[in-house]
Amino acid sequence: MDNSTINTATATASTPLIANLLETRLLNNERVTLSDIANAGNVSVIEARKTLVQVFGTRVQFKRGRTGGIHLTA
């Protein structure tokens, strides 16, 4: 197995974890950053972002800056 296969397997296995973590934090009105989600899912920031887009589609928004983070629209 090469690194890309291992990374893909890890990202696929952690998809439910990443999605559940995001939803839980948002329901508790906590600030959520992409790096927090990536660290919790033990994946790269790029893989976490791709996973969130796959799971939530156009509902997920990524905002940069001091007040940024991840937001879900209704």
N, C-alpha and C. Protein backbone atom coordinates (compact mmCIF):
# COMPACT_ATOMS: atom_id res chain seq x y z
N MET A 1 0.82 -1.19 0.00
CA MET A 1 0.00 0.00 0.00
C MET A 1 0.87 1.25 0.00
N ASP A 2 0.53 2.20 -0.86
CA ASP A 2 1.25 3.46 -0.83
C ASP A 2 0.53 4.46 0.07
N ASN A 3 1.13 5.63 0.27
CA ASN A 3 0.57 6.62 1.18
C ASN A 3 -0.80 7.12 0.77
N SER A 4 -1.06 7.28 -0.54
CA SER A 4 -2.35 7.78 -0.98
C SER A 4 -3.46 6.77 -0.66
N THR A 5 -3.16 5.48 -0.78
CA THR A 5 -4.14 4.45 -0.43
C THR A 5 -4.42 4.46 1.06
N ILE A 6 -3.39 4.62 1.86
CA ILE A 6 -3.56 4.65 3.32
C ILE A 6 -4.37 5.89 3.71
N ASN A 7 -4.05 7.06 3.14
CA ASN A 7 -4.78 8.28 3.45
C ASN A 7 -6.24 8.18 3.05
N THR A 8 -6.53 7.60 1.89
CA THR A 8 -7.90 7.44 1.44
C THR A 8 -8.66 6.50 2.37
N ALA A 9 -8.04 5.42 2.78
CA ALA A 9 -8.68 4.48 3.70
C ALA A 9 -8.96 5.13 5.04
N THR A 10 -8.02 5.92 5.54
CA THR A 10 -8.21 6.61 6.81
C THR A 10 -9.33 7.62 6.71
N ALA A 11 -9.36 8.39 5.64
CA ALA A 11 -10.41 9.41 5.45
C ALA A 11 -11.78 8.75 5.34
N THR A 12 -11.87 7.65 4.61
CA THR A 12 -13.14 6.96 4.46
C THR A 12 -13.61 6.38 5.79
N ALA A 13 -12.71 5.83 6.56
CA ALA A 13 -13.07 5.24 7.84
C ALA A 13 -13.48 6.31 8.85
N SER A 14 -12.93 7.51 8.73
CA SER A 14 -13.22 8.55 9.70
C SER A 14 -14.36 9.47 9.28
N THR A 15 -15.00 9.22 8.12
CA THR A 15 -16.09 10.07 7.64
C THR A 15 -17.20 10.22 8.66
N PRO A 16 -17.75 9.13 9.23
CA PRO A 16 -18.81 9.31 10.23
C PRO A 16 -18.33 10.08 11.46
N LEU A 17 -17.10 9.83 11.88
CA LEU A 17 -16.55 10.53 13.04
C LEU A 17 -16.48 12.03 12.78
N ILE A 18 -15.98 12.41 11.62
CA ILE A 18 -15.85 13.82 11.26
C ILE A 18 -17.22 14.49 11.19
N ALA A 19 -18.17 13.85 10.53
CA ALA A 19 -19.51 14.43 10.40
C ALA A 19 -20.20 14.55 11.75
N ASN A 20 -20.10 13.52 12.58
CA ASN A 20 -20.73 13.55 13.90
C ASN A 20 -20.10 14.60 14.80
N LEU A 21 -18.80 14.73 14.75
CA LEU A 21 -18.12 15.72 15.56
C LEU A 21 -18.56 17.13 15.18
N LEU A 22 -18.63 17.39 13.87
CA LEU A 22 -19.07 18.70 13.41
C LEU A 22 -20.49 19.00 13.88
N GLU A 23 -21.40 18.07 13.69
CA GLU A 23 -22.79 18.29 14.09
C GLU A 23 -22.91 18.50 15.60
N THR A 24 -22.19 17.72 16.38
CA THR A 24 -22.25 17.85 17.83
C THR A 24 -21.76 19.21 18.28
N ARG A 25 -20.65 19.65 17.76
CA ARG A 25 -20.10 20.95 18.16
C ARG A 25 -21.00 22.09 17.73
N LEU A 26 -21.58 21.98 16.54
CA LEU A 26 -22.47 23.04 16.08
C LEU A 26 -23.75 23.10 16.91
N LEU A 27 -24.26 21.94 17.30
CA LEU A 27 -25.46 21.91 18.14
C LEU A 27 -25.20 22.52 19.52
N ASN A 28 -23.98 22.41 19.99
CA ASN A 28 -23.60 22.98 21.29
C ASN A 28 -23.12 24.43 21.17
N ASN A 29 -23.31 25.01 19.98
CA ASN A 29 -22.90 26.40 19.71
C ASN A 29 -21.42 26.63 19.97
N GLU A 30 -20.60 25.65 19.68
CA GLU A 30 -19.15 25.78 19.83
C GLU A 30 -18.54 26.19 18.49
N ARG A 31 -17.43 26.91 18.56
CA ARG A 31 -16.70 27.27 17.36
C ARG A 31 -15.99 26.03 16.83
N VAL A 32 -16.07 25.83 15.55
CA VAL A 32 -15.47 24.65 14.93
C VAL A 32 -14.52 25.10 13.84
N THR A 33 -13.28 24.66 13.93
CA THR A 33 -12.31 24.96 12.87
C THR A 33 -11.96 23.69 12.12
N LEU A 34 -11.51 23.88 10.91
CA LEU A 34 -11.15 22.75 10.08
C LEU A 34 -10.00 21.96 10.68
N SER A 35 -9.05 22.65 11.29
CA SER A 35 -7.92 21.95 11.89
C SER A 35 -8.36 21.12 13.10
N ASP A 36 -9.35 21.59 13.87
CA ASP A 36 -9.89 20.80 14.99
C ASP A 36 -10.51 19.50 14.48
N ILE A 37 -11.30 19.60 13.44
CA ILE A 37 -11.96 18.43 12.86
C ILE A 37 -10.93 17.46 12.29
N ALA A 38 -9.93 17.99 11.60
CA ALA A 38 -8.88 17.13 11.02
C ALA A 38 -8.11 16.40 12.10
N ASN A 39 -7.75 17.10 13.16
CA ASN A 39 -7.02 16.46 14.26
C ASN A 39 -7.85 15.39 14.93
N ALA A 40 -9.12 15.65 15.14
CA ALA A 40 -9.99 14.66 15.79
C ALA A 40 -10.18 13.43 14.91
N GLY A 41 -10.22 13.63 13.59
CA GLY A 41 -10.39 12.52 12.66
C GLY A 41 -9.10 11.87 12.25
N ASN A 42 -7.97 12.42 12.73
CA ASN A 42 -6.65 11.90 12.41
C ASN A 42 -6.40 11.87 10.90
N VAL A 43 -6.83 12.95 10.23
CA VAL A 43 -6.62 13.10 8.79
C VAL A 43 -6.04 14.48 8.52
N SER A 44 -5.62 14.72 7.30
CA SER A 44 -5.11 16.04 6.94
C SER A 44 -6.28 17.01 6.82
N VAL A 45 -5.97 18.29 6.86
CA VAL A 45 -6.99 19.32 6.72
C VAL A 45 -7.68 19.21 5.36
N ILE A 46 -6.91 18.90 4.34
CA ILE A 46 -7.46 18.77 2.99
C ILE A 46 -8.46 17.62 2.93
N GLU A 47 -8.10 16.48 3.53
CA GLU A 47 -9.02 15.33 3.54
C GLU A 47 -10.28 15.63 4.35
N ALA A 48 -10.13 16.33 5.47
CA ALA A 48 -11.29 16.69 6.29
C ALA A 48 -12.23 17.58 5.50
N ARG A 49 -11.68 18.55 4.80
CA ARG A 49 -12.50 19.46 3.99
C ARG A 49 -13.24 18.70 2.89
N LYS A 50 -12.54 17.81 2.19
CA LYS A 50 -13.18 17.01 1.15
C LYS A 50 -14.30 16.14 1.73
N THR A 51 -14.05 15.56 2.89
CA THR A 51 -15.05 14.71 3.53
C THR A 51 -16.29 15.50 3.90
N LEU A 52 -16.10 16.69 4.46
CA LEU A 52 -17.24 17.51 4.85
C LEU A 52 -18.05 17.94 3.62
N VAL A 53 -17.38 18.24 2.53
CA VAL A 53 -18.08 18.61 1.30
C VAL A 53 -18.85 17.41 0.76
N GLN A 54 -18.28 16.20 0.85
CA GLN A 54 -18.97 14.99 0.39
C GLN A 54 -20.22 14.73 1.23
N VAL A 55 -20.10 14.90 2.54
CA VAL A 55 -21.22 14.57 3.44
C VAL A 55 -22.30 15.64 3.40
N PHE A 56 -21.91 16.91 3.47
CA PHE A 56 -22.88 17.99 3.62
C PHE A 56 -23.15 18.77 2.34
N GLY A 57 -22.37 18.57 1.31
CA GLY A 57 -22.58 19.25 0.03
C GLY A 57 -22.52 20.76 0.16
N THR A 58 -23.52 21.44 -0.41
CA THR A 58 -23.52 22.90 -0.42
C THR A 58 -23.93 23.50 0.92
N ARG A 59 -24.34 22.67 1.87
CA ARG A 59 -24.74 23.19 3.19
C ARG A 59 -23.55 23.64 4.03
N VAL A 60 -22.38 23.13 3.76
CA VAL A 60 -21.21 23.46 4.58
C VAL A 60 -20.51 24.69 3.99
N GLN A 61 -20.16 25.61 4.90
CA GLN A 61 -19.45 26.82 4.50
C GLN A 61 -18.19 26.94 5.34
N PHE A 62 -17.10 27.32 4.68
CA PHE A 62 -15.83 27.51 5.36
C PHE A 62 -15.52 28.99 5.34
N LYS A 63 -15.34 29.58 6.51
CA LYS A 63 -15.04 31.01 6.61
C LYS A 63 -13.67 31.19 7.22
N ARG A 64 -12.88 32.07 6.62
CA ARG A 64 -11.52 32.32 7.08
C ARG A 64 -11.51 33.48 8.07
N GLY A 65 -10.41 33.60 8.78
CA GLY A 65 -10.21 34.76 9.63
C GLY A 65 -10.44 34.49 11.10
N ARG A 66 -10.34 35.57 11.86
CA ARG A 66 -10.43 35.48 13.32
C ARG A 66 -11.78 34.92 13.78
N THR A 67 -12.84 35.28 13.11
CA THR A 67 -14.17 34.80 13.50
C THR A 67 -14.64 33.67 12.57
N GLY A 68 -13.74 33.09 11.83
CA GLY A 68 -14.08 32.06 10.87
C GLY A 68 -14.34 30.71 11.52
N GLY A 69 -14.50 29.75 10.69
CA GLY A 69 -14.76 28.39 11.13
C GLY A 69 -15.62 27.67 10.10
N ILE A 70 -16.31 26.65 10.55
CA ILE A 70 -17.17 25.87 9.68
C ILE A 70 -18.62 26.13 10.10
N HIS A 71 -19.46 26.37 9.11
CA HIS A 71 -20.87 26.65 9.38
C HIS A 71 -21.72 25.78 8.47
N LEU A 72 -22.88 25.36 8.97
CA LEU A 72 -23.85 24.63 8.15
C LEU A 72 -25.07 25.50 7.95
N THR A 73 -25.56 25.56 6.73
CA THR A 73 -26.79 26.28 6.45
C THR A 73 -27.96 25.32 6.50
N ALA A 74 -29.13 25.86 6.68
CA ALA A 74 -30.34 25.03 6.81
C ALA A 74 -30.76 24.43 5.51
